[in-house]
Amino acid sequence: MHKYELILSWSQEDQCYVVEVPELPGCMAHGQTQPEALRQANEAVQLWLETARQFGDPIPIPKGHRHFDTKPWERKPDLGINYAYAESR
């Protein structure tokens, strides 16, 4: 089982679920149901990795899951912004 981020969305245009794997360029899958789309995506990831190994291409290390900040005013050390101060002005 891989640890790459999967983004699942409904495509109104294609009338199916689409799964993107942002860390693996061009790696996508689709299915008529969410479980089918996720199964197809897992297979696509395995094929992407096998192909990269076969051709000696670099394989990205999975970044893991994202953390969504439920309190954006507390701290943003990467931006150096104190949101609590900025909002109080």
Protein backbone atom coordinates (compact mmCIF):
# COMPACT_ATOMS: atom_id res chain seq x y z
CA MET A 1 0.00 0.00 0.00
CA HIS A 2 1.36 3.39 -0.96
CA LYS A 3 1.14 6.60 1.07
CA TYR A 4 0.65 9.09 -1.74
CA GLU A 5 -2.09 11.69 -1.47
CA LEU A 6 -5.19 10.90 -3.56
CA ILE A 7 -7.65 13.62 -4.54
CA LEU A 8 -11.10 12.25 -5.35
CA SER A 9 -13.66 14.44 -7.12
CA TRP A 10 -16.76 14.10 -9.26
CA SER A 11 -16.41 15.10 -12.92
CA GLN A 12 -19.68 16.53 -14.18
CA GLU A 13 -18.26 16.57 -17.70
CA ASP A 14 -17.23 12.89 -17.68
CA GLN A 15 -20.00 11.72 -15.33
CA CYS A 16 -17.59 9.72 -13.19
CA TYR A 17 -15.32 10.01 -10.18
CA VAL A 18 -11.78 11.12 -10.93
CA VAL A 19 -8.76 10.52 -8.71
CA GLU A 20 -5.57 12.54 -9.07
CA VAL A 21 -2.21 11.72 -7.49
CA PRO A 22 -0.49 15.13 -7.37
CA GLU A 23 2.92 13.79 -6.30
CA LEU A 24 3.14 11.49 -9.35
CA PRO A 25 2.92 13.60 -12.53
CA GLY A 26 0.25 12.36 -14.91
CA CYS A 27 -1.05 9.70 -12.50
CA MET A 28 -4.87 9.71 -12.60
CA ALA A 29 -7.74 7.25 -12.63
CA HIS A 30 -11.52 7.22 -12.82
CA GLY A 31 -14.50 5.04 -11.98
CA GLN A 32 -18.29 5.06 -11.85
CA THR A 33 -18.22 4.75 -8.03
CA GLN A 34 -15.86 6.12 -5.41
CA PRO A 35 -14.53 2.66 -4.44
CA GLU A 36 -13.96 1.77 -8.11
CA ALA A 37 -12.12 5.04 -8.74
CA LEU A 38 -9.92 4.49 -5.68
CA ARG A 39 -9.14 0.89 -6.74
CA GLN A 40 -8.19 2.15 -10.19
CA ALA A 41 -6.05 4.89 -8.63
CA ASN A 42 -4.16 2.38 -6.48
CA GLU A 43 -3.48 0.30 -9.57
CA ALA A 44 -2.37 3.43 -11.47
CA VAL A 45 0.06 4.30 -8.66
CA GLN A 46 1.57 0.80 -8.77
CA LEU A 47 1.95 0.98 -12.55
CA TRP A 48 3.48 4.49 -12.30
CA LEU A 49 6.02 3.26 -9.75
CA GLU A 50 6.86 0.11 -11.74
CA THR A 51 7.40 2.16 -14.90
CA ALA A 52 9.60 4.68 -13.06
CA ARG A 53 11.73 1.82 -11.69
CA GLN A 54 11.96 0.19 -15.12
CA PHE A 55 13.27 3.39 -16.73
CA GLY A 56 15.39 4.49 -13.77
CA ASP A 57 13.29 7.60 -13.17
CA PRO A 58 13.27 9.19 -9.71
CA ILE A 59 10.44 8.14 -7.42
CA PRO A 60 9.09 10.87 -5.13
CA ILE A 61 8.96 10.12 -1.42
CA PRO A 62 5.33 10.35 -0.26
CA LYS A 63 4.71 13.55 1.67
CA GLY A 64 1.97 11.94 3.74
CA HIS A 65 -1.28 13.62 4.61
CA ARG A 66 -1.98 17.30 4.87
CA HIS A 67 -2.91 18.98 8.11
CA PHE A 68 -5.70 21.51 7.77
CA ASP A 69 -5.41 24.28 10.30
CA THR A 70 -8.75 24.73 12.05
CA LYS A 71 -7.48 27.85 13.83
CA PRO A 72 -5.71 29.93 11.17
CA TRP A 73 -5.26 32.88 13.55
CA GLU A 74 -2.95 31.04 15.94
CA ARG A 75 0.34 30.79 14.08
CA LYS A 76 1.84 30.63 10.64
CA PRO A 77 5.59 30.30 11.21
CA ASP A 78 6.26 29.64 7.52
CA LEU A 79 4.69 33.01 6.64
CA GLY A 80 5.86 34.97 9.68
CA ILE A 81 2.40 36.45 10.14
CA ASN A 82 0.65 36.85 13.47
CA TYR A 83 -2.99 36.55 12.38
CA ALA A 84 -4.40 37.30 15.84
CA TYR A 85 -2.58 40.68 15.78
CA ALA A 86 -3.51 41.42 12.18
CA GLU A 87 -7.20 40.72 12.80
CA SER A 88 -7.32 42.85 15.96
CA ARG A 89 -6.20 46.00 14.11
